[in-house]
C-alpha atoms as a PDB file:
ATOM      1  CA  UNK A   1     -32.890 -10.082  15.692  1.00  0.00           C
ATOM      2  CA  UNK A   2     -33.842  -7.265  13.436  1.00  0.00           C
ATOM      3  CA  UNK A   3     -32.168  -4.680  15.787  1.00  0.00           C
ATOM      4  CA  UNK A   4     -29.021  -6.964  15.858  1.00  0.00           C
ATOM      5  CA  UNK A   5     -28.754  -7.045  11.925  1.00  0.00           C
ATOM      6  CA  UNK A   6     -29.349  -3.415  11.807  1.00  0.00           C
ATOM      7  CA  UNK A   7     -26.571  -2.706  14.215  1.00  0.00           C
ATOM      8  CA  UNK A   8     -24.271  -4.994  12.223  1.00  0.00           C
ATOM      9  CA  UNK A   9     -25.009  -3.264   9.064  1.00  0.00           C
ATOM     10  CA  UNK A  10     -24.476   0.143  10.783  1.00  0.00           C
ATOM     11  CA  UNK A  11     -21.159  -1.005  12.097  1.00  0.00           C
ATOM     12  CA  UNK A  12     -20.079  -2.249   8.663  1.00  0.00           C
ATOM     13  CA  UNK A  13     -21.041   1.044   7.118  1.00  0.00           C
ATOM     14  CA  UNK A  14     -19.350   2.994   9.653  1.00  0.00           C
ATOM     15  CA  UNK A  15     -16.052   0.979   8.883  1.00  0.00           C
ATOM     16  CA  UNK A  16     -16.522   1.271   5.233  1.00  0.00           C
ATOM     17  CA  UNK A  17     -17.098   5.157   5.420  1.00  0.00           C
ATOM     18  CA  UNK A  18     -13.933   5.435   7.642  1.00  0.00           C
ATOM     19  CA  UNK A  19     -11.826   3.448   4.965  1.00  0.00           C
ATOM     20  CA  UNK A  20     -13.203   5.339   1.953  1.00  0.00           C
ATOM     21  CA  UNK A  21     -12.940   8.798   3.467  1.00  0.00           C
ATOM     22  CA  UNK A  22      -9.409   8.127   4.878  1.00  0.00           C
ATOM     23  CA  UNK A  23     -10.320   9.157   8.413  1.00  0.00           C
ATOM     24  CA  UNK A  24      -8.014   7.663  10.773  1.00  0.00           C
ATOM     25  CA  UNK A  25      -9.863   7.277  14.006  1.00  0.00           C
ATOM     26  CA  UNK A  26      -7.933   4.435  15.444  1.00  0.00           C
ATOM     27  CA  UNK A  27      -4.886   5.687  17.430  1.00  0.00           C
ATOM     28  CA  UNK A  28      -1.904   3.499  18.734  1.00  0.00           C
ATOM     29  CA  UNK A  29      -1.336   4.185  22.460  1.00  0.00           C
ATOM     30  CA  UNK A  30       2.416   3.385  22.101  1.00  0.00           C
ATOM     31  CA  UNK A  31       3.418   5.922  19.368  1.00  0.00           C
ATOM     32  CA  UNK A  32       0.330   7.831  18.381  1.00  0.00           C
ATOM     33  CA  UNK A  33       0.186   6.698  14.888  1.00  0.00           C
ATOM     34  CA  UNK A  34      -3.371   6.552  13.380  1.00  0.00           C
ATOM     35  CA  UNK A  35      -5.230   4.063  11.272  1.00  0.00           C
ATOM     36  CA  UNK A  36      -8.446   3.818   9.353  1.00  0.00           C
ATOM     37  CA  UNK A  37      -9.462   0.558  10.880  1.00  0.00           C
ATOM     38  CA  UNK A  38      -9.007  -1.522  14.170  1.00  0.00           C
ATOM     39  CA  UNK A  39      -7.499  -4.369  12.081  1.00  0.00           C
ATOM     40  CA  UNK A  40      -4.744  -2.070  10.643  1.00  0.00           C
ATOM     41  CA  UNK A  41      -4.113  -0.687  14.230  1.00  0.00           C
ATOM     42  CA  UNK A  42      -3.987  -4.287  15.537  1.00  0.00           C
ATOM     43  CA  UNK A  43      -1.372  -5.377  12.827  1.00  0.00           C
ATOM     44  CA  UNK A  44       0.751  -2.077  13.659  1.00  0.00           C
ATOM     45  CA  UNK A  45       0.718  -2.833  17.322  1.00  0.00           C
ATOM     46  CA  UNK A  46       2.670  -6.000  16.743  1.00  0.00           C
ATOM     47  CA  UNK A  47       5.709  -3.756  16.050  1.00  0.00           C
ATOM     48  CA  UNK A  48       5.617  -2.761  19.734  1.00  0.00           C
ATOM     49  CA  UNK A  49       4.619  -6.010  21.383  1.00  0.00           C
ATOM     50  CA  UNK A  50       7.082  -7.798  19.120  1.00  0.00           C
ATOM     51  CA  UNK A  51       4.224 -10.390  18.412  1.00  0.00           C
ATOM     52  CA  UNK A  52       4.825 -12.459  15.342  1.00  0.00           C
ATOM     53  CA  UNK A  53       2.104 -14.842  14.862  1.00  0.00           C
ATOM     54  CA  UNK A  54       3.106 -15.982  11.322  1.00  0.00           C
ATOM     55  CA  UNK A  55       5.766 -18.642  11.449  1.00  0.00           C
ATOM     56  CA  UNK A  56       7.484 -20.294   8.640  1.00  0.00           C
ATOM     57  CA  UNK A  57       7.129 -24.190   8.848  1.00  0.00           C
ATOM     58  CA  UNK A  58      10.591 -24.858   7.178  1.00  0.00           C
ATOM     59  CA  UNK A  59      12.961 -22.606   9.108  1.00  0.00           C
ATOM     60  CA  UNK A  60      10.906 -21.226  11.973  1.00  0.00           C
ATOM     61  CA  UNK A  61      11.293 -17.574  11.197  1.00  0.00           C
ATOM     62  CA  UNK A  62       8.236 -15.630  12.269  1.00  0.00           C
ATOM     63  CA  UNK A  63       6.590 -12.466  10.969  1.00  0.00           C
ATOM     64  CA  UNK A  64       4.028  -9.754  11.902  1.00  0.00           C
ATOM     65  CA  UNK A  65       2.118 -10.063   8.692  1.00  0.00           C
ATOM     66  CA  UNK A  66       0.801 -13.046   6.840  1.00  0.00           C
ATOM     67  CA  UNK A  67       1.980 -11.469   3.313  1.00  0.00           C
ATOM     68  CA  UNK A  68       5.564 -11.306   4.800  1.00  0.00           C
ATOM     69  CA  UNK A  69       5.403 -14.919   5.683  1.00  0.00           C
ATOM     70  CA  UNK A  70       4.139 -15.747   2.028  1.00  0.00           C
ATOM     71  CA  UNK A  71       7.028 -13.532   0.557  1.00  0.00           C
ATOM     72  CA  UNK A  72       9.656 -15.220   2.822  1.00  0.00           C
ATOM     73  CA  UNK A  73       8.520 -18.817   1.796  1.00  0.00           C
ATOM     74  CA  UNK A  74       9.371 -18.009  -1.788  1.00  0.00           C
ATOM     75  CA  UNK A  75      13.091 -17.970  -0.730  1.00  0.00           C
ATOM     76  CA  UNK A  76      12.515 -21.563   0.262  1.00  0.00           C
ATOM     77  CA  UNK A  77      10.976 -22.459  -3.048  1.00  0.00           C
ATOM     78  CA  UNK A  78      12.947 -20.237  -5.224  1.00  0.00           C
ATOM     79  CA  UNK A  79       9.889 -18.887  -6.722  1.00  0.00           C
ATOM     80  CA  UNK A  80      10.328 -15.236  -7.996  1.00  0.00           C
ATOM     81  CA  UNK A  81       6.945 -13.837  -9.209  1.00  0.00           C
ATOM     82  CA  UNK A  82       7.729 -10.302  -9.510  1.00  0.00           C
ATOM     83  CA  UNK A  83       9.497  -9.325 -12.611  1.00  0.00           C
ATOM     84  CA  UNK A  84      10.917  -6.122 -13.833  1.00  0.00           C
ATOM     85  CA  UNK A  85       9.166  -5.058 -17.200  1.00  0.00           C
ATOM     86  CA  UNK A  86      12.419  -3.226 -18.303  1.00  0.00           C
ATOM     87  CA  UNK A  87      15.255  -5.678 -17.684  1.00  0.00           C
ATOM     88  CA  UNK A  88      13.447  -9.013 -16.957  1.00  0.00           C
ATOM     89  CA  UNK A  89      15.093  -9.493 -13.596  1.00  0.00           C
ATOM     90  CA  UNK A  90      12.849 -11.343 -11.074  1.00  0.00           C
ATOM     91  CA  UNK A  91      12.369 -11.011  -7.359  1.00  0.00           C
ATOM     92  CA  UNK A  92      10.658 -12.644  -4.370  1.00  0.00           C
ATOM     93  CA  UNK A  93       8.574  -9.740  -3.307  1.00  0.00           C
ATOM     94  CA  UNK A  94       6.938  -6.679  -4.758  1.00  0.00           C
ATOM     95  CA  UNK A  95       8.900  -4.593  -2.413  1.00  0.00           C
ATOM     96  CA  UNK A  96      11.963  -5.763  -3.759  1.00  0.00           C
ATOM     97  CA  UNK A  97      10.823  -5.193  -7.231  1.00  0.00           C
ATOM     98  CA  UNK A  98       9.837  -1.613  -6.510  1.00  0.00           C
ATOM     99  CA  UNK A  99      13.271  -0.995  -5.025  1.00  0.00           C
ATOM    100  CA  UNK A 100      15.031  -2.468  -8.095  1.00  0.00           C
ATOM    101  CA  UNK A 101      12.852  -0.428 -10.394  1.00  0.00           C
ATOM    102  CA  UNK A 102      14.207   2.831  -9.013  1.00  0.00           C
ATOM    103  CA  UNK A 103      17.584   1.979 -10.501  1.00  0.00           C
ATOM    104  CA  UNK A 104      15.966   2.297 -13.840  1.00  0.00           C
ATOM    105  CA  UNK A 105      14.110   5.546 -13.274  1.00  0.00           C
ATOM    106  CA  UNK A 106      16.253   7.316 -10.603  1.00  0.00           C
ATOM    107  CA  UNK A 107      19.111   9.503 -11.229  1.00  0.00           C
ATOM    108  CA  UNK A 108      22.402   7.906 -10.234  1.00  0.00           C
ATOM    109  CA  UNK A 109      23.494  10.819  -8.212  1.00  0.00           C
ATOM    110  CA  UNK A 110      26.091   9.090  -5.978  1.00  0.00           C
ATOM    111  CA  UNK A 111      29.560   8.482  -7.720  1.00  0.00           C
ATOM    112  CA  UNK A 112      32.471   6.717  -6.448  1.00  0.00           C
ATOM    113  CA  UNK A 113      35.428   9.145  -6.419  1.00  0.00           C
ATOM    114  CA  UNK A 114      37.883   6.241  -7.120  1.00  0.00           C
ATOM    115  CA  UNK A 115      36.383   4.353 -10.136  1.00  0.00           C
ATOM    116  CA  UNK A 116      33.535   6.717 -11.305  1.00  0.00           C
ATOM    117  CA  UNK A 117      30.835   3.985 -10.853  1.00  0.00           C
ATOM    118  CA  UNK A 118      27.414   5.613  -9.940  1.00  0.00           C
ATOM    119  CA  UNK A 119      24.578   4.586  -7.659  1.00  0.00           C
ATOM    120  CA  UNK A 120      20.950   5.794  -7.100  1.00  0.00           C
ATOM    121  CA  UNK A 121      21.255   5.128  -3.374  1.00  0.00           C
ATOM    122  CA  UNK A 122      24.060   6.432  -0.968  1.00  0.00           C
ATOM    123  CA  UNK A 123      23.876   2.968   1.012  1.00  0.00           C
ATOM    124  CA  UNK A 124      24.821   1.207  -2.358  1.00  0.00           C
ATOM    125  CA  UNK A 125      27.685   3.584  -2.881  1.00  0.00           C
ATOM    126  CA  UNK A 126      28.909   3.119   0.810  1.00  0.00           C
ATOM    127  CA  UNK A 127      28.931  -0.633   0.283  1.00  0.00           C
ATOM    128  CA  UNK A 128      30.772  -0.349  -2.944  1.00  0.00           C
ATOM    129  CA  UNK A 129      33.452   1.869  -1.507  1.00  0.00           C
ATOM    130  CA  UNK A 130      34.484  -0.861   0.975  1.00  0.00           C
ATOM    131  CA  UNK A 131      35.925  -2.593  -2.022  1.00  0.00           C
ATOM    132  CA  UNK A 132      38.535   0.005  -2.543  1.00  0.00           C
ATOM    133  CA  UNK A 133      39.253   0.806   1.210  1.00  0.00           C
ATOM    134  CA  UNK A 134      39.170  -2.924   2.070  1.00  0.00           C
ATOM    135  CA  UNK A 135      36.914  -2.235   5.008  1.00  0.00           C
ATOM    136  CA  UNK A 136      34.981  -5.246   6.364  1.00  0.00           C
ATOM    137  CA  UNK A 137      32.886  -4.085   9.237  1.00  0.00           C
ATOM    138  CA  UNK A 138      30.729  -7.243   9.404  1.00  0.00           C
ATOM    139  CA  UNK A 139      32.478  -9.874  11.482  1.00  0.00           C
ATOM    140  CA  UNK A 140      31.401 -13.527  12.228  1.00  0.00           C
ATOM    141  CA  UNK A 141      31.459 -14.158  16.070  1.00  0.00           C
ATOM    142  CA  UNK A 142      32.485 -17.855  15.536  1.00  0.00           C
ATOM    143  CA  UNK A 143      35.545 -17.740  13.292  1.00  0.00           C
ATOM    144  CA  UNK A 144      36.289 -13.808  12.988  1.00  0.00           C
ATOM    145  CA  UNK A 145      36.031 -13.832   9.222  1.00  0.00           C
ATOM    146  CA  UNK A 146      34.927 -10.283   8.056  1.00  0.00           C
ATOM    147  CA  UNK A 147      32.739  -9.136   5.205  1.00  0.00           C
ATOM    148  CA  UNK A 148      31.975  -5.872   3.614  1.00  0.00           C
ATOM    149  CA  UNK A 149      28.209  -6.387   3.469  1.00  0.00           C
ATOM    150  CA  UNK A 150      25.790  -7.731   6.034  1.00  0.00           C
ATOM    151  CA  UNK A 151      24.277 -10.030   3.616  1.00  0.00           C
ATOM    152  CA  UNK A 152      27.589 -11.732   2.914  1.00  0.00           C
ATOM    153  CA  UNK A 153      28.034 -12.333   6.654  1.00  0.00           C
ATOM    154  CA  UNK A 154      24.486 -13.712   7.009  1.00  0.00           C
ATOM    155  CA  UNK A 155      25.158 -16.229   4.191  1.00  0.00           C
ATOM    156  CA  UNK A 156      28.677 -17.174   5.662  1.00  0.00           C
ATOM    157  CA  UNK A 157      27.125 -17.819   9.058  1.00  0.00           C
ATOM    158  CA  UNK A 158      25.019 -20.625   7.736  1.00  0.00           C
ATOM    159  CA  UNK A 159      28.131 -22.631   7.053  1.00  0.00           C
ATOM    160  CA  UNK A 160      28.674 -22.857  10.916  1.00  0.00           C
ATOM    161  CA  UNK A 161      25.085 -23.550  11.840  1.00  0.00           C
ATOM    162  CA  UNK A 162      24.596 -26.123   8.937  1.00  0.00           C
ATOM    163  CA  UNK A 163      21.367 -24.507   8.189  1.00  0.00           C
ATOM    164  CA  UNK A 164      19.971 -25.206   4.741  1.00  0.00           C
ATOM    165  CA  UNK A 165      16.557 -23.435   4.563  1.00  0.00           C
ATOM    166  CA  UNK A 166      16.254 -23.528   0.785  1.00  0.00           C
ATOM    167  CA  UNK A 167      14.797 -26.910  -0.210  1.00  0.00           C
ATOM    168  CA  UNK A 168      13.981 -28.418  -3.720  1.00  0.00           C
ATOM    169  CA  UNK A 169      10.273 -29.110  -4.017  1.00  0.00           C
ATOM    170  CA  UNK A 170      11.160 -31.990  -6.531  1.00  0.00           C
ATOM    171  CA  UNK A 171      13.841 -33.943  -5.081  1.00  0.00           C
ATOM    172  CA  UNK A 172      14.122 -32.439  -1.334  1.00  0.00           C
ATOM    173  CA  UNK A 173      17.870 -31.475  -1.673  1.00  0.00           C
ATOM    174  CA  UNK A 174      18.500 -28.475   0.520  1.00  0.00           C
ATOM    175  CA  UNK A 175      20.845 -25.392   0.157  1.00  0.00           C
ATOM    176  CA  UNK A 176      22.239 -22.706   2.236  1.00  0.00           C
ATOM    177  CA  UNK A 177      21.512 -20.078  -0.279  1.00  0.00           C
ATOM    178  CA  UNK A 178      18.579 -19.353  -2.605  1.00  0.00           C
ATOM    179  CA  UNK A 179      20.632 -18.729  -5.531  1.00  0.00           C
ATOM    180  CA  UNK A 180      22.124 -22.349  -5.095  1.00  0.00           C
ATOM    181  CA  UNK A 181      18.518 -23.880  -5.089  1.00  0.00           C
ATOM    182  CA  UNK A 182      17.569 -21.797  -8.292  1.00  0.00           C
ATOM    183  CA  UNK A 183      20.738 -23.243 -10.164  1.00  0.00           C
ATOM    184  CA  UNK A 184      19.918 -26.659  -8.702  1.00  0.00           C
ATOM    185  CA  UNK A 185      16.363 -26.481 -10.099  1.00  0.00           C
ATOM    186  CA  UNK A 186      17.551 -25.832 -13.607  1.00  0.00           C
ATOM    187  CA  UNK A 187      18.783 -29.663 -13.504  1.00  0.00           C
ATOM    188  CA  UNK A 188      14.998 -30.544 -13.235  1.00  0.00           C
ATOM    189  CA  UNK A 189      13.792 -27.932 -15.784  1.00  0.00           C
ATOM    190  CA  UNK A 190      16.642 -28.423 -18.305  1.00  0.00           C
ATOM    191  CA  UNK A 191      16.909 -24.588 -18.473  1.00  0.00           C
ATOM    192  CA  UNK A 192      20.418 -23.519 -19.475  1.00  0.00           C
ATOM    193  CA  UNK A 193      20.542 -19.643 -19.464  1.00  0.00           C
ATOM    194  CA  UNK A 194      24.078 -19.203 -19.919  1.00  0.00           C
ATOM    195  CA  UNK A 195      25.087 -19.461 -23.482  1.00  0.00           C
ATOM    196  CA  UNK A 196      28.557 -19.337 -25.204  1.00  0.00           C
ATOM    197  CA  UNK A 197      28.647 -16.522 -27.740  1.00  0.00           C
ATOM    198  CA  UNK A 198      31.380 -18.393 -29.862  1.00  0.00           C
ATOM    199  CA  UNK A 199      29.855 -21.963 -30.323  1.00  0.00           C
ATOM    200  CA  UNK A 200      26.337 -21.673 -28.876  1.00  0.00           C
ATOM    201  CA  UNK A 201      26.799 -24.287 -26.154  1.00  0.00           C
ATOM    202  CA  UNK A 202      24.599 -23.544 -22.985  1.00  0.00           C
ATOM    203  CA  UNK A 203      25.145 -24.263 -19.276  1.00  0.00           C
ATOM    204  CA  UNK A 204      23.137 -24.489 -15.964  1.00  0.00           C
ATOM    205  CA  UNK A 205      25.705 -22.341 -14.187  1.00  0.00           C
ATOM    206  CA  UNK A 206      27.747 -19.240 -14.983  1.00  0.00           C
ATOM    207  CA  UNK A 207      30.697 -20.967 -13.425  1.00  0.00           C
ATOM    208  CA  UNK A 208      30.444 -23.745 -15.929  1.00  0.00           C
ATOM    209  CA  UNK A 209      30.327 -21.243 -18.775  1.00  0.00           C
ATOM    210  CA  UNK A 210      33.408 -19.651 -17.483  1.00  0.00           C
ATOM    211  CA  UNK A 211      35.305 -23.022 -17.343  1.00  0.00           C
ATOM    212  CA  UNK A 212      34.015 -23.691 -20.827  1.00  0.00           C
ATOM    213  CA  UNK A 213      35.456 -20.184 -22.297  1.00  0.00           C
ATOM    214  CA  UNK A 214      38.791 -21.441 -21.305  1.00  0.00           C
ATOM    215  CA  UNK A 215      38.672 -24.275 -23.738  1.00  0.00           C
ATOM    216  CA  UNK A 216      38.386 -21.512 -26.530  1.00  0.00           C
ATOM    217  CA  UNK A 217      41.136 -19.465 -25.036  1.00  0.00           C
ATOM    218  CA  UNK A 218      43.522 -22.634 -25.129  1.00  0.00           C
ATOM    219  CA  UNK A 219      42.420 -23.414 -28.700  1.00  0.00           C
ATOM    220  CA  UNK A 220      43.440 -19.867 -29.857  1.00  0.00           C
ATOM    221  CA  UNK A 221      46.690 -20.227 -27.979  1.00  0.00           C
ATOM    222  CA  UNK A 222      47.452 -23.459 -29.951  1.00  0.00           C
ATOM    223  CA  UNK A 223      46.748 -21.715 -33.234  1.00  0.00           C
ATOM    224  CA  UNK A 224      49.123 -18.952 -32.484  1.00  0.00           C
ATOM    225  CA  UNK A 225      51.951 -21.484 -31.588  1.00  0.00           C
END
């Protein structure tokens, strides 16, 4: 027993030393990438085997890592735990927050030659330029409708499947988009973030605020008449 305990302690020590020294002794037989532990190698190898053991109980989507499942599940609950300390915008995952924060720190080196708008990422500029060219390269295989962003196509396709993966944890109502769920949840919390600068009235949705703005415009038109 003492020998087994000693061996176990020795194995733990070796693992610890490999991690702390940064030695990458575990090699992937498929691509040659090296890792500091067998656990990290095992997780990596799921990329090659396409094994996704972590499945979402709400929509069935699967992931190679448990943390990606946890991040994905927030899209169903509407929870956005990661907030930008510069502008307050919130995100489902830390990776989305990090990508967003680059917009504050990174130089916007990619400018649109038609309207002058600038972007930190070339991909963002490319997507923006489709507004000017009218190019819609992402087409729905069911109805043929086209979109300038893949995310817009993904959102549209849910109208065909009837999939509503975003559920309210208070009343059970489901939605095709996470932003629709977030807007709906304000009815439960009473939050009204969209405020009229003219009269101070607040609303759950930005669309309701836009409709309200028209009442002020009509009032001004009557005064002119």
